Amino acid sequence: MSAETKLFIVLDDEQSIRQSIASFLEDEGHTVLRAESSEAAIELVKEQPVDAAVVDIRLPGKDGNYFMLEATKLRSGIKFVVHTGSADYSPPEEVRALGITREKVLIKPVRDLNMILEALKH
């Protein structure tokens, strides 16, 4: 893996969205793992040196906020971008403490997937 290549998790319960974002990131030269639940994504973080995650909030089982908090306990350097259909989503205080700012919350549908990579730069 080159210095530019990152290992991503795309966490979304909607297969088509998960696939679309993963394909975009792979086309940009990144390696991508996919998960449809927070629980599955946590297992991936335990097994792989994940650099960043694109996280849906409303998921079956534990929500995306839970994933971000737990993933950070396992790998402190993970960067997150929230990708949610909840237009009124406001990160709870403990998630904001992870660096989730307004620039890192994208509302579905994101028409230009480059916004995901841009959000990771902030």
PDB file of N, CA and C in Angstrom:
ATOM      1  N   MET A   1       0.846  -1.173   0.000  1.00  0.00           N
ATOM      2  CA  MET A   1       0.000   0.000   0.000  1.00  0.00           C
ATOM      3  C   MET A   1       0.893   1.238   0.000  1.00  0.00           C
ATOM      4  N   SER A   2       0.728   2.095  -0.976  1.00  0.00           N
ATOM      5  CA  SER A   2       1.551   3.305  -1.056  1.00  0.00           C
ATOM      6  C   SER A   2       1.125   4.297   0.012  1.00  0.00           C
ATOM      7  N   ALA A   3       1.943   5.330   0.182  1.00  0.00           N
ATOM      8  CA  ALA A   3       1.628   6.351   1.176  1.00  0.00           C
ATOM      9  C   ALA A   3       0.303   7.043   0.850  1.00  0.00           C
ATOM     10  N   GLU A   4      -0.040   7.106  -0.419  1.00  0.00           N
ATOM     11  CA  GLU A   4      -1.278   7.766  -0.830  1.00  0.00           C
ATOM     12  C   GLU A   4      -2.499   6.856  -0.654  1.00  0.00           C
ATOM     13  N   THR A   5      -2.298   5.573  -0.738  1.00  0.00           N
ATOM     14  CA  THR A   5      -3.410   4.640  -0.650  1.00  0.00           C
ATOM     15  C   THR A   5      -3.872   4.524   0.790  1.00  0.00           C
ATOM     16  N   LYS A   6      -5.160   4.604   0.978  1.00  0.00           N
ATOM     17  CA  LYS A   6      -5.744   4.487   2.309  1.00  0.00           C
ATOM     18  C   LYS A   6      -6.655   3.270   2.345  1.00  0.00           C
ATOM     19  N   LEU A   7      -6.823   2.740   3.547  1.00  0.00           N
ATOM     20  CA  LEU A   7      -7.759   1.635   3.763  1.00  0.00           C
ATOM     21  C   LEU A   7      -9.027   2.213   4.381  1.00  0.00           C
ATOM     22  N   PHE A   8     -10.121   2.128   3.643  1.00  0.00           N
ATOM     23  CA  PHE A   8     -11.405   2.675   4.053  1.00  0.00           C
ATOM     24  C   PHE A   8     -12.367   1.579   4.458  1.00  0.00           C
ATOM     25  N   ILE A   9     -13.305   1.947   5.323  1.00  0.00           N
ATOM     26  CA  ILE A   9     -14.520   1.162   5.535  1.00  0.00           C
ATOM     27  C   ILE A   9     -15.673   2.029   5.061  1.00  0.00           C
ATOM     28  N   VAL A  10     -16.546   1.441   4.267  1.00  0.00           N
ATOM     29  CA  VAL A  10     -17.794   2.097   3.919  1.00  0.00           C
ATOM     30  C   VAL A  10     -18.882   1.359   4.698  1.00  0.00           C
ATOM     31  N   LEU A  11     -19.472   2.067   5.653  1.00  0.00           N
ATOM     32  CA  LEU A  11     -20.491   1.500   6.541  1.00  0.00           C
ATOM     33  C   LEU A  11     -21.845   2.099   6.182  1.00  0.00           C
ATOM     34  N   ASP A  12     -22.669   1.281   5.544  1.00  0.00           N
ATOM     35  CA  ASP A  12     -24.017   1.713   5.162  1.00  0.00           C
ATOM     36  C   ASP A  12     -24.873   0.464   5.006  1.00  0.00           C
ATOM     37  N   ASP A  13     -26.101   0.508   5.503  1.00  0.00           N
ATOM     38  CA  ASP A  13     -26.976  -0.656   5.387  1.00  0.00           C
ATOM     39  C   ASP A  13     -27.618  -0.779   4.008  1.00  0.00           C
ATOM     40  N   GLU A  14     -27.505   0.245   3.177  1.00  0.00           N
ATOM     41  CA  GLU A  14     -28.052   0.190   1.823  1.00  0.00           C
ATOM     42  C   GLU A  14     -26.955  -0.275   0.871  1.00  0.00           C
ATOM     43  N   GLN A  15     -27.138  -1.461   0.315  1.00  0.00           N
ATOM     44  CA  GLN A  15     -26.112  -2.076  -0.527  1.00  0.00           C
ATOM     45  C   GLN A  15     -25.719  -1.190  -1.703  1.00  0.00           C
ATOM     46  N   SER A  16     -26.673  -0.552  -2.358  1.00  0.00           N
ATOM     47  CA  SER A  16     -26.360   0.255  -3.539  1.00  0.00           C
ATOM     48  C   SER A  16     -25.498   1.460  -3.176  1.00  0.00           C
ATOM     49  N   ILE A  17     -25.759   2.080  -2.055  1.00  0.00           N
ATOM     50  CA  ILE A  17     -24.951   3.221  -1.610  1.00  0.00           C
ATOM     51  C   ILE A  17     -23.559   2.743  -1.217  1.00  0.00           C
ATOM     52  N   ARG A  18     -23.505   1.659  -0.469  1.00  0.00           N
ATOM     53  CA  ARG A  18     -22.221   1.085  -0.055  1.00  0.00           C
ATOM     54  C   ARG A  18     -21.362   0.784  -1.284  1.00  0.00           C
ATOM     55  N   GLN A  19     -21.970   0.154  -2.277  1.00  0.00           N
ATOM     56  CA  GLN A  19     -21.237  -0.218  -3.490  1.00  0.00           C
ATOM     57  C   GLN A  19     -20.787   1.011  -4.272  1.00  0.00           C
ATOM     58  N   SER A  20     -21.647   2.003  -4.397  1.00  0.00           N
ATOM     59  CA  SER A  20     -21.323   3.206  -5.156  1.00  0.00           C
ATOM     60  C   SER A  20     -20.125   3.944  -4.549  1.00  0.00           C
ATOM     61  N   ILE A  21     -20.155   4.146  -3.247  1.00  0.00           N
ATOM     62  CA  ILE A  21     -19.058   4.853  -2.583  1.00  0.00           C
ATOM     63  C   ILE A  21     -17.784   4.020  -2.639  1.00  0.00           C
ATOM     64  N   ALA A  22     -17.896   2.721  -2.396  1.00  0.00           N
ATOM     65  CA  ALA A  22     -16.721   1.848  -2.434  1.00  0.00           C
ATOM     66  C   ALA A  22     -16.089   1.856  -3.824  1.00  0.00           C
ATOM     67  N   SER A  23     -16.894   1.775  -4.858  1.00  0.00           N
ATOM     68  CA  SER A  23     -16.362   1.784  -6.226  1.00  0.00           C
ATOM     69  C   SER A  23     -15.652   3.098  -6.520  1.00  0.00           C
ATOM     70  N   PHE A  24     -16.230   4.206  -6.099  1.00  0.00           N
ATOM     71  CA  PHE A  24     -15.593   5.508  -6.295  1.00  0.00           C
ATOM     72  C   PHE A  24     -14.223   5.546  -5.611  1.00  0.00           C
ATOM     73  N   LEU A  25     -14.174   5.125  -4.341  1.00  0.00           N
ATOM     74  CA  LEU A  25     -12.910   5.158  -3.593  1.00  0.00           C
ATOM     75  C   LEU A  25     -11.877   4.220  -4.222  1.00  0.00           C
ATOM     76  N   GLU A  26     -12.311   3.062  -4.685  1.00  0.00           N
ATOM     77  CA  GLU A  26     -11.388   2.142  -5.358  1.00  0.00           C
ATOM     78  C   GLU A  26     -10.861   2.748  -6.650  1.00  0.00           C
ATOM     79  N   ASP A  27     -11.733   3.430  -7.392  1.00  0.00           N
ATOM     80  CA  ASP A  27     -11.297   4.103  -8.622  1.00  0.00           C
ATOM     81  C   ASP A  27     -10.266   5.191  -8.322  1.00  0.00           C
ATOM     82  N   GLU A  28     -10.335   5.757  -7.108  1.00  0.00           N
ATOM     83  CA  GLU A  28      -9.376   6.780  -6.682  1.00  0.00           C
ATOM     84  C   GLU A  28      -8.088   6.162  -6.130  1.00  0.00           C
ATOM     85  N   GLY A  29      -7.992   4.836  -6.153  1.00  0.00           N
ATOM     86  CA  GLY A  29      -6.773   4.164  -5.750  1.00  0.00           C
ATOM     87  C   GLY A  29      -6.730   3.663  -4.320  1.00  0.00           C
ATOM     88  N   HIS A  30      -7.849   3.701  -3.633  1.00  0.00           N
ATOM     89  CA  HIS A  30      -7.906   3.266  -2.241  1.00  0.00           C
ATOM     90  C   HIS A  30      -8.372   1.811  -2.141  1.00  0.00           C
ATOM     91  N   THR A  31      -8.067   1.197  -1.015  1.00  0.00           N
ATOM     92  CA  THR A  31      -8.561  -0.135  -0.708  1.00  0.00           C
ATOM     93  C   THR A  31      -9.782   0.041   0.181  1.00  0.00           C
ATOM     94  N   VAL A  32     -10.847  -0.704  -0.102  1.00  0.00           N
ATOM     95  CA  VAL A  32     -12.117  -0.472   0.583  1.00  0.00           C
ATOM     96  C   VAL A  32     -12.691  -1.769   1.142  1.00  0.00           C
ATOM     97  N   LEU A  33     -13.056  -1.704   2.416  1.00  0.00           N
ATOM     98  CA  LEU A  33     -13.813  -2.761   3.067  1.00  0.00           C
ATOM     99  C   LEU A  33     -15.250  -2.279   3.186  1.00  0.00           C
ATOM    100  N   ARG A  34     -16.201  -3.189   3.171  1.00  0.00           N
ATOM    101  CA  ARG A  34     -17.611  -2.820   3.227  1.00  0.00           C
ATOM    102  C   ARG A  34     -18.264  -3.480   4.430  1.00  0.00           C
ATOM    103  N   ALA A  35     -19.183  -2.742   5.064  1.00  0.00           N
ATOM    104  CA  ALA A  35     -19.932  -3.303   6.191  1.00  0.00           C
ATOM    105  C   ALA A  35     -21.341  -2.734   6.160  1.00  0.00           C
ATOM    106  N   GLU A  36     -22.318  -3.576   6.549  1.00  0.00           N
ATOM    107  CA  GLU A  36     -23.712  -3.118   6.570  1.00  0.00           C
ATOM    108  C   GLU A  36     -24.212  -2.873   7.979  1.00  0.00           C
ATOM    109  N   SER A  37     -23.351  -3.110   8.990  1.00  0.00           N
ATOM    110  CA  SER A  37     -23.746  -2.842  10.372  1.00  0.00           C
ATOM    111  C   SER A  37     -22.529  -2.365  11.161  1.00  0.00           C
ATOM    112  N   SER A  38     -22.790  -1.642  12.239  1.00  0.00           N
ATOM    113  CA  SER A  38     -21.700  -1.189  13.104  1.00  0.00           C
ATOM    114  C   SER A  38     -20.931  -2.371  13.668  1.00  0.00           C
ATOM    115  N   GLU A  39     -21.667  -3.402  14.033  1.00  0.00           N
ATOM    116  CA  GLU A  39     -21.027  -4.575  14.619  1.00  0.00           C
ATOM    117  C   GLU A  39     -20.038  -5.215  13.635  1.00  0.00           C
ATOM    118  N   ALA A  40     -20.438  -5.350  12.379  1.00  0.00           N
ATOM    119  CA  ALA A  40     -19.546  -5.922  11.360  1.00  0.00           C
ATOM    120  C   ALA A  40     -18.350  -5.002  11.112  1.00  0.00           C
ATOM    121  N   ALA A  41     -18.588  -3.696  11.102  1.00  0.00           N
ATOM    122  CA  ALA A  41     -17.508  -2.740  10.871  1.00  0.00           C
ATOM    123  C   ALA A  41     -16.491  -2.766  12.014  1.00  0.00           C
ATOM    124  N   ILE A  42     -16.957  -2.930  13.236  1.00  0.00           N
ATOM    125  CA  ILE A  42     -16.049  -3.021  14.389  1.00  0.00           C
ATOM    126  C   ILE A  42     -15.129  -4.231  14.226  1.00  0.00           C
ATOM    127  N   GLU A  43     -15.679  -5.342  13.762  1.00  0.00           N
ATOM    128  CA  GLU A  43     -14.853  -6.539  13.540  1.00  0.00           C
ATOM    129  C   GLU A  43     -13.768  -6.258  12.502  1.00  0.00           C
ATOM    130  N   LEU A  44     -14.100  -5.513  11.458  1.00  0.00           N
ATOM    131  CA  LEU A  44     -13.105  -5.157  10.441  1.00  0.00           C
ATOM    132  C   LEU A  44     -12.007  -4.279  11.031  1.00  0.00           C
ATOM    133  N   VAL A  45     -12.378  -3.340  11.879  1.00  0.00           N
ATOM    134  CA  VAL A  45     -11.390  -2.455  12.512  1.00  0.00           C
ATOM    135  C   VAL A  45     -10.454  -3.269  13.402  1.00  0.00           C
ATOM    136  N   LYS A  46     -10.982  -4.289  14.053  1.00  0.00           N
ATOM    137  CA  LYS A  46     -10.150  -5.158  14.897  1.00  0.00           C
ATOM    138  C   LYS A  46      -9.114  -5.914  14.064  1.00  0.00           C
ATOM    139  N   GLU A  47      -9.470  -6.232  12.816  1.00  0.00           N
ATOM    140  CA  GLU A  47      -8.637  -7.086  11.968  1.00  0.00           C
ATOM    141  C   GLU A  47      -7.728  -6.324  11.009  1.00  0.00           C
ATOM    142  N   GLN A  48      -8.065  -5.096  10.681  1.00  0.00           N
ATOM    143  CA  GLN A  48      -7.366  -4.365   9.622  1.00  0.00           C
ATOM    144  C   GLN A  48      -6.905  -2.979  10.110  1.00  0.00           C
ATOM    145  N   PRO A  49      -5.801  -2.462   9.547  1.00  0.00           N
ATOM    146  CA  PRO A  49      -5.318  -1.122   9.919  1.00  0.00           C
ATOM    147  C   PRO A  49      -6.084  -0.022   9.156  1.00  0.00           C
ATOM    148  N   VAL A  50      -7.336   0.169   9.512  1.00  0.00           N
ATOM    149  CA  VAL A  50      -8.229   1.095   8.824  1.00  0.00           C
ATOM    150  C   VAL A  50      -7.779   2.539   9.049  1.00  0.00           C
ATOM    151  N   ASP A  51      -7.745   3.318   7.956  1.00  0.00           N
ATOM    152  CA  ASP A  51      -7.355   4.724   8.024  1.00  0.00           C
ATOM    153  C   ASP A  51      -8.558   5.656   8.146  1.00  0.00           C
ATOM    154  N   ALA A  52      -9.658   5.292   7.477  1.00  0.00           N
ATOM    155  CA  ALA A  52     -10.804   6.189   7.406  1.00  0.00           C
ATOM    156  C   ALA A  52     -12.082   5.399   7.195  1.00  0.00           C
ATOM    157  N   ALA A  53     -13.203   6.023   7.552  1.00  0.00           N
ATOM    158  CA  ALA A  53     -14.499   5.369   7.382  1.00  0.00           C
ATOM    159  C   ALA A  53     -15.544   6.379   6.939  1.00  0.00           C
ATOM    160  N   VAL A  54     -16.394   5.948   6.029  1.00  0.00           N
ATOM    161  CA  VAL A  54     -17.573   6.693   5.608  1.00  0.00           C
ATOM    162  C   VAL A  54     -18.729   6.023   6.327  1.00  0.00           C
ATOM    163  N   VAL A  55     -19.430   6.786   7.186  1.00  0.00           N
ATOM    164  CA  VAL A  55     -20.336   6.189   8.161  1.00  0.00           C
ATOM    165  C   VAL A  55     -21.767   6.704   8.019  1.00  0.00           C
ATOM    166  N   ASP A  56     -22.686   5.785   7.789  1.00  0.00           N
ATOM    167  CA  ASP A  56     -24.113   6.105   7.866  1.00  0.00           C
ATOM    168  C   ASP A  56     -24.483   6.110   9.351  1.00  0.00           C
ATOM    169  N   ILE A  57     -25.462   6.886   9.731  1.00  0.00           N
ATOM    170  CA  ILE A  57     -25.849   6.977  11.145  1.00  0.00           C
ATOM    171  C   ILE A  57     -26.953   5.981  11.489  1.00  0.00           C
ATOM    172  N   ARG A  58     -28.019   5.973  10.714  1.00  0.00           N
ATOM    173  CA  ARG A  58     -29.139   5.070  11.006  1.00  0.00           C
ATOM    174  C   ARG A  58     -28.859   3.701  10.408  1.00  0.00           C
ATOM    175  N   LEU A  59     -28.622   2.748  11.299  1.00  0.00           N
ATOM    176  CA  LEU A  59     -28.264   1.391  10.895  1.00  0.00           C
ATOM    177  C   LEU A  59     -29.047   0.398  11.736  1.00  0.00           C
ATOM    178  N   PRO A  60     -29.195  -0.840  11.252  1.00  0.00           N
ATOM    179  CA  PRO A  60     -29.798  -1.857  12.116  1.00  0.00           C
ATOM    180  C   PRO A  60     -28.839  -2.142  13.276  1.00  0.00           C
ATOM    181  N   GLY A  61     -29.355  -2.394  14.446  1.00  0.00           N
ATOM    182  CA  GLY A  61     -28.483  -2.617  15.607  1.00  0.00           C
ATOM    183  C   GLY A  61     -27.906  -1.302  16.097  1.00  0.00           C
ATOM    184  N   LYS A  62     -26.631  -1.303  16.382  1.00  0.00           N
ATOM    185  CA  LYS A  62     -25.957  -0.096  16.889  1.00  0.00           C
ATOM    186  C   LYS A  62     -25.823   0.933  15.772  1.00  0.00           C
ATOM    187  N   ASP A  63     -25.955   2.223  16.118  1.00  0.00           N
ATOM    188  CA  ASP A  63     -25.898   3.267  15.096  1.00  0.00           C
ATOM    189  C   ASP A  63     -24.460   3.664  14.754  1.00  0.00           C
ATOM    190  N   GLY A  64     -24.340   4.569  13.796  1.00  0.00           N
ATOM    191  CA  GLY A  64     -23.025   5.019  13.345  1.00  0.00           C
ATOM    192  C   GLY A  64     -22.241   5.767  14.407  1.00  0.00           C
ATOM    193  N   ASN A  65     -22.933   6.468  15.290  1.00  0.00           N
ATOM    194  CA  ASN A  65     -22.240   7.137  16.394  1.00  0.00           C
ATOM    195  C   ASN A  65     -21.505   6.104  17.251  1.00  0.00           C
ATOM    196  N   TYR A  66     -22.179   5.007  17.558  1.00  0.00           N
ATOM    197  CA  TYR A  66     -21.568   3.913  18.332  1.00  0.00           C
ATOM    198  C   TYR A  66     -20.311   3.417  17.615  1.00  0.00           C
ATOM    199  N   PHE A  67     -20.430   3.180  16.304  1.00  0.00           N
ATOM    200  CA  PHE A  67     -19.274   2.685  15.555  1.00  0.00           C
ATOM    201  C   PHE A  67     -18.085   3.632  15.686  1.00  0.00           C
ATOM    202  N   MET A  68     -18.305   4.923  15.488  1.00  0.00           N
ATOM    203  CA  MET A  68     -17.194   5.875  15.530  1.00  0.00           C
ATOM    204  C   MET A  68     -16.517   5.882  16.899  1.00  0.00           C
ATOM    205  N   LEU A  69     -17.312   5.850  17.954  1.00  0.00           N
ATOM    206  CA  LEU A  69     -16.760   5.856  19.306  1.00  0.00           C
ATOM    207  C   LEU A  69     -15.972   4.582  19.598  1.00  0.00           C
ATOM    208  N   GLU A  70     -16.513   3.439  19.202  1.00  0.00           N
ATOM    209  CA  GLU A  70     -15.836   2.162  19.452  1.00  0.00           C
ATOM    210  C   GLU A  70     -14.596   1.997  18.565  1.00  0.00           C
ATOM    211  N   ALA A  71     -14.698   2.400  17.308  1.00  0.00           N
ATOM    212  CA  ALA A  71     -13.568   2.267  16.382  1.00  0.00           C
ATOM    213  C   ALA A  71     -12.383   3.099  16.857  1.00  0.00           C
ATOM    214  N   THR A  72     -12.661   4.271  17.400  1.00  0.00           N
ATOM    215  CA  THR A  72     -11.597   5.139  17.908  1.00  0.00           C
ATOM    216  C   THR A  72     -10.877   4.500  19.092  1.00  0.00           C
ATOM    217  N   LYS A  73     -11.600   3.749  19.899  1.00  0.00           N
ATOM    218  CA  LYS A  73     -10.967   3.041  21.017  1.00  0.00           C
ATOM    219  C   LYS A  73      -9.984   1.987  20.512  1.00  0.00           C
ATOM    220  N   LEU A  74     -10.293   1.397  19.349  1.00  0.00           N
ATOM    221  CA  LEU A  74      -9.452   0.349  18.775  1.00  0.00           C
ATOM    222  C   LEU A  74      -8.287   0.918  17.965  1.00  0.00           C
ATOM    223  N   ARG A  75      -8.540   2.000  17.230  1.00  0.00           N
ATOM    224  CA  ARG A  75      -7.534   2.635  16.366  1.00  0.00           C
ATOM    225  C   ARG A  75      -7.725   4.146  16.446  1.00  0.00           C
ATOM    226  N   SER A  76      -6.909   4.780  17.247  1.00  0.00           N
ATOM    227  CA  SER A  76      -7.112   6.202  17.553  1.00  0.00           C
ATOM    228  C   SER A  76      -6.971   7.145  16.362  1.00  0.00           C
ATOM    229  N   GLY A  77      -6.325   6.731  15.301  1.00  0.00           N
ATOM    230  CA  GLY A  77      -6.098   7.649  14.186  1.00  0.00           C
ATOM    231  C   GLY A  77      -7.128   7.628  13.084  1.00  0.00           C
ATOM    232  N   ILE A  78      -8.178   6.856  13.223  1.00  0.00           N
ATOM    233  CA  ILE A  78      -9.174   6.762  12.150  1.00  0.00           C
ATOM    234  C   ILE A  78      -9.861   8.109  11.939  1.00  0.00           C
ATOM    235  N   LYS A  79     -10.010   8.477  10.661  1.00  0.00           N
ATOM    236  CA  LYS A  79     -10.772   9.668  10.295  1.00  0.00           C
ATOM    237  C   LYS A  79     -12.151   9.216   9.834  1.00  0.00           C
ATOM    238  N   PHE A  80     -13.140  10.068  10.099  1.00  0.00           N
ATOM    239  CA  PHE A  80     -14.519   9.717   9.760  1.00  0.00           C
ATOM    240  C   PHE A  80     -15.170  10.809   8.929  1.00  0.00           C
ATOM    241  N   VAL A  81     -16.049  10.365   8.029  1.00  0.00           N
ATOM    242  CA  VAL A  81     -16.986  11.243   7.335  1.00  0.00           C
ATOM    243  C   VAL A  81     -18.353  10.614   7.560  1.00  0.00           C
ATOM    244  N   VAL A  82     -19.292  11.408   8.030  1.00  0.00           N
ATOM    245  CA  VAL A  82     -20.664  10.940   8.218  1.00  0.00           C
ATOM    246  C   VAL A  82     -21.408  11.162   6.911  1.00  0.00           C
ATOM    247  N   HIS A  83     -22.120  10.127   6.463  1.00  0.00           N
ATOM    248  CA  HIS A  83     -22.916  10.183   5.235  1.00  0.00           C
ATOM    249  C   HIS A  83     -24.305   9.687   5.601  1.00  0.00           C
ATOM    250  N   THR A  84     -25.216  10.615   5.849  1.00  0.00           N
ATOM    251  CA  THR A  84     -26.510  10.250   6.409  1.00  0.00           C
ATOM    252  C   THR A  84     -27.675  10.840   5.621  1.00  0.00           C
ATOM    253  N   GLY A  85     -28.791  10.155   5.701  1.00  0.00           N
ATOM    254  CA  GLY A  85     -30.021  10.666   5.113  1.00  0.00           C
ATOM    255  C   GLY A  85     -30.792  11.548   6.079  1.00  0.00           C
ATOM    256  N   SER A  86     -30.288  11.691   7.286  1.00  0.00           N
ATOM    257  CA  SER A  86     -30.950  12.504   8.315  1.00  0.00           C
ATOM    258  C   SER A  86     -30.483  13.954   8.202  1.00  0.00           C
ATOM    259  N   ALA A  87     -31.286  14.765   7.531  1.00  0.00           N
ATOM    260  CA  ALA A  87     -30.896  16.159   7.300  1.00  0.00           C
ATOM    261  C   ALA A  87     -30.724  16.941   8.600  1.00  0.00           C
ATOM    262  N   ASP A  88     -31.346  16.477   9.677  1.00  0.00           N
ATOM    263  CA  ASP A  88     -31.245  17.186  10.949  1.00  0.00           C
ATOM    264  C   ASP A  88     -30.212  16.562  11.892  1.00  0.00           C
ATOM    265  N   TYR A  89     -29.330  15.693  11.345  1.00  0.00           N
ATOM    266  CA  TYR A  89     -28.323  15.046  12.188  1.00  0.00           C
ATOM    267  C   TYR A  89     -27.371  16.082  12.790  1.00  0.00           C
ATOM    268  N   SER A  90     -27.199  15.983  14.074  1.00  0.00           N
ATOM    269  CA  SER A  90     -26.238  16.805  14.795  1.00  0.00           C
ATOM    270  C   SER A  90     -25.409  15.863  15.655  1.00  0.00           C
ATOM    271  N   PRO A  91     -24.097  15.815  15.433  1.00  0.00           N
ATOM    272  CA  PRO A  91     -23.285  14.863  16.197  1.00  0.00           C
ATOM    273  C   PRO A  91     -23.374  15.124  17.699  1.00  0.00           C
ATOM    274  N   PRO A  92     -23.534  14.068  18.492  1.00  0.00           N
ATOM    275  CA  PRO A  92     -23.509  14.253  19.940  1.00  0.00           C
ATOM    276  C   PRO A  92     -22.122  14.741  20.373  1.00  0.00           C
ATOM    277  N   GLU A  93     -22.059  15.293  21.561  1.00  0.00           N
ATOM    278  CA  GLU A  93     -20.822  15.901  22.050  1.00  0.00           C
ATOM    279  C   GLU A  93     -19.622  14.951  21.964  1.00  0.00           C
ATOM    280  N   GLU A  94     -19.807  13.695  22.368  1.00  0.00           N
ATOM    281  CA  GLU A  94     -18.673  12.763  22.360  1.00  0.00           C
ATOM    282  C   GLU A  94     -18.197  12.457  20.946  1.00  0.00           C
ATOM    283  N   VAL A  95     -19.085  12.537  19.950  1.00  0.00           N
ATOM    284  CA  VAL A  95     -18.695  12.343  18.551  1.00  0.00           C
ATOM    285  C   VAL A  95     -18.015  13.613  18.030  1.00  0.00           C
ATOM    286  N   ARG A  96     -18.517  14.774  18.412  1.00  0.00           N
ATOM    287  CA  ARG A  96     -17.843  16.022  18.036  1.00  0.00           C
ATOM    288  C   ARG A  96     -16.416  16.039  18.568  1.00  0.00           C
ATOM    289  N   ALA A  97     -16.207  15.448  19.729  1.00  0.00           N
ATOM    290  CA  ALA A  97     -14.866  15.389  20.323  1.00  0.00           C
ATOM    291  C   ALA A  97     -13.902  14.569  19.456  1.00  0.00           C
ATOM    292  N   LEU A  98     -14.423  13.716  18.580  1.00  0.00           N
ATOM    293  CA  LEU A  98     -13.586  12.947  17.656  1.00  0.00           C
ATOM    294  C   LEU A  98     -13.184  13.768  16.437  1.00  0.00           C
ATOM    295  N   GLY A  99     -13.696  14.998  16.346  1.00  0.00           N
ATOM    296  CA  GLY A  99     -13.379  15.857  15.212  1.00  0.00           C
ATOM    297  C   GLY A  99     -14.446  15.879  14.139  1.00  0.00           C
ATOM    298  N   ILE A 100     -15.630  15.393  14.473  1.00  0.00           N
ATOM    299  CA  ILE A 100     -16.720  15.410  13.492  1.00  0.00           C
ATOM    300  C   ILE A 100     -17.351  16.803  13.501  1.00  0.00           C
ATOM    301  N   THR A 101     -16.914  17.606  12.531  1.00  0.00           N
ATOM    302  CA  THR A 101     -17.402  18.971  12.371  1.00  0.00           C
ATOM    303  C   THR A 101     -18.475  19.002  11.285  1.00  0.00           C
ATOM    304  N   ARG A 102     -19.082  20.150  11.090  1.00  0.00           N
ATOM    305  CA  ARG A 102     -20.102  20.321  10.048  1.00  0.00           C
ATOM    306  C   ARG A 102     -19.561  19.908   8.675  1.00  0.00           C
ATOM    307  N   GLU A 103     -18.283  20.176   8.415  1.00  0.00           N
ATOM    308  CA  GLU A 103     -17.677  19.829   7.127  1.00  0.00           C
ATOM    309  C   GLU A 103     -17.565  18.321   6.925  1.00  0.00           C
ATOM    310  N   LYS A 104     -17.667  17.570   7.993  1.00  0.00           N
ATOM    311  CA  LYS A 104     -17.536  16.113   7.898  1.00  0.00           C
ATOM    312  C   LYS A 104     -18.880  15.394   7.939  1.00  0.00           C
ATOM    313  N   VAL A 105     -19.960  16.156   7.850  1.00  0.00           N
ATOM    314  CA  VAL A 105     -21.303  15.566   7.803  1.00  0.00           C
ATOM    315  C   VAL A 105     -21.895  15.867   6.432  1.00  0.00           C
ATOM    316  N   LEU A 106     -22.085  14.823   5.646  1.00  0.00           N
ATOM    317  CA  LEU A 106     -22.651  14.954   4.302  1.00  0.00           C
ATOM    318  C   LEU A 106     -24.036  14.333   4.294  1.00  0.00           C
ATOM    319  N   ILE A 107     -24.979  15.042   3.686  1.00  0.00           N
ATOM    320  CA  ILE A 107     -26.363  14.571   3.635  1.00  0.00           C
ATOM    321  C   ILE A 107     -26.601  13.856   2.299  1.00  0.00           C
ATOM    322  N   LYS A 108     -27.179  12.650   2.396  1.00  0.00           N
ATOM    323  CA  LYS A 108     -27.517  11.879   1.189  1.00  0.00           C
ATOM    324  C   LYS A 108     -28.626  12.577   0.425  1.00  0.00           C
ATOM    325  N   PRO A 109     -28.620  12.479  -0.874  1.00  0.00           N
ATOM    326  CA  PRO A 109     -27.584  11.882  -1.700  1.00  0.00           C
ATOM    327  C   PRO A 109     -26.483  12.903  -2.016  1.00  0.00           C
ATOM    328  N   VAL A 110     -25.248  12.501  -1.914  1.00  0.00           N
ATOM    329  CA  VAL A 110     -24.119  13.354  -2.295  1.00  0.00           C
ATOM    330  C   VAL A 110     -23.908  13.146  -3.789  1.00  0.00           C
ATOM    331  N   ARG A 111     -24.091  14.208  -4.536  1.00  0.00           N
ATOM    332  CA  ARG A 111     -24.008  14.084  -5.994  1.00  0.00           C
ATOM    333  C   ARG A 111     -22.559  13.986  -6.481  1.00  0.00           C
ATOM    334  N   ASP A 112     -21.635  14.619  -5.786  1.00  0.00           N
ATOM    335  CA  ASP A 112     -20.225  14.579  -6.150  1.00  0.00           C
ATOM    336  C   ASP A 112     -19.468  13.840  -5.050  1.00  0.00           C
ATOM    337  N   LEU A 113     -19.101  12.606  -5.306  1.00  0.00           N
ATOM    338  CA  LEU A 113     -18.458  11.789  -4.288  1.00  0.00           C
ATOM    339  C   LEU A 113     -17.076  12.311  -3.896  1.00  0.00           C
ATOM    340  N   ASN A 114     -16.515  13.226  -4.689  1.00  0.00           N
ATOM    341  CA  ASN A 114     -15.262  13.864  -4.291  1.00  0.00           C
ATOM    342  C   ASN A 114     -15.416  14.607  -2.965  1.00  0.00           C
ATOM    343  N   MET A 115     -16.649  14.969  -2.626  1.00  0.00           N
ATOM    344  CA  MET A 115     -16.898  15.659  -1.354  1.00  0.00           C
ATOM    345  C   MET A 115     -16.477  14.795  -0.171  1.00  0.00           C
ATOM    346  N   ILE A 116     -16.533  13.492  -0.317  1.00  0.00           N
ATOM    347  CA  ILE A 116     -16.115  12.587   0.758  1.00  0.00           C
ATOM    348  C   ILE A 116     -14.619  12.754   1.019  1.00  0.00           C
ATOM    349  N   LEU A 117     -13.839  12.734  -0.057  1.00  0.00           N
ATOM    350  CA  LEU A 117     -12.394  12.902   0.101  1.00  0.00           C
ATOM    351  C   LEU A 117     -12.055  14.306   0.602  1.00  0.00           C
ATOM    352  N   GLU A 118     -12.781  15.296   0.131  1.00  0.00           N
ATOM    353  CA  GLU A 118     -12.554  16.670   0.619  1.00  0.00           C
ATOM    354  C   GLU A 118     -12.836  16.787   2.104  1.00  0.00           C
ATOM    355  N   ALA A 119     -13.910  16.152   2.563  1.00  0.00           N
ATOM    356  CA  ALA A 119     -14.278  16.218   3.985  1.00  0.00           C
ATOM    357  C   ALA A 119     -13.188  15.610   4.864  1.00  0.00           C
ATOM    358  N   LEU A 120     -12.487  14.606   4.365  1.00  0.00           N
ATOM    359  CA  LEU A 120     -11.432  13.972   5.146  1.00  0.00           C
ATOM    360  C   LEU A 120     -10.214  14.876   5.315  1.00  0.00           C
ATOM    361  N   LYS A 121     -10.096  15.892   4.473  1.00  0.00           N
ATOM    362  CA  LYS A 121      -8.948  16.807   4.564  1.00  0.00           C
ATOM    363  C   LYS A 121      -9.119  17.832   5.669  1.00  0.00           C
ATOM    364  N   HIS A 122     -10.350  18.035   6.141  1.00  0.00           N
ATOM    365  CA  HIS A 122     -10.629  19.061   7.178  1.00  0.00           C
ATOM    366  C   HIS A 122     -10.395  18.505   8.556  1.00  0.00           C
TER     367      HIS A 122
END
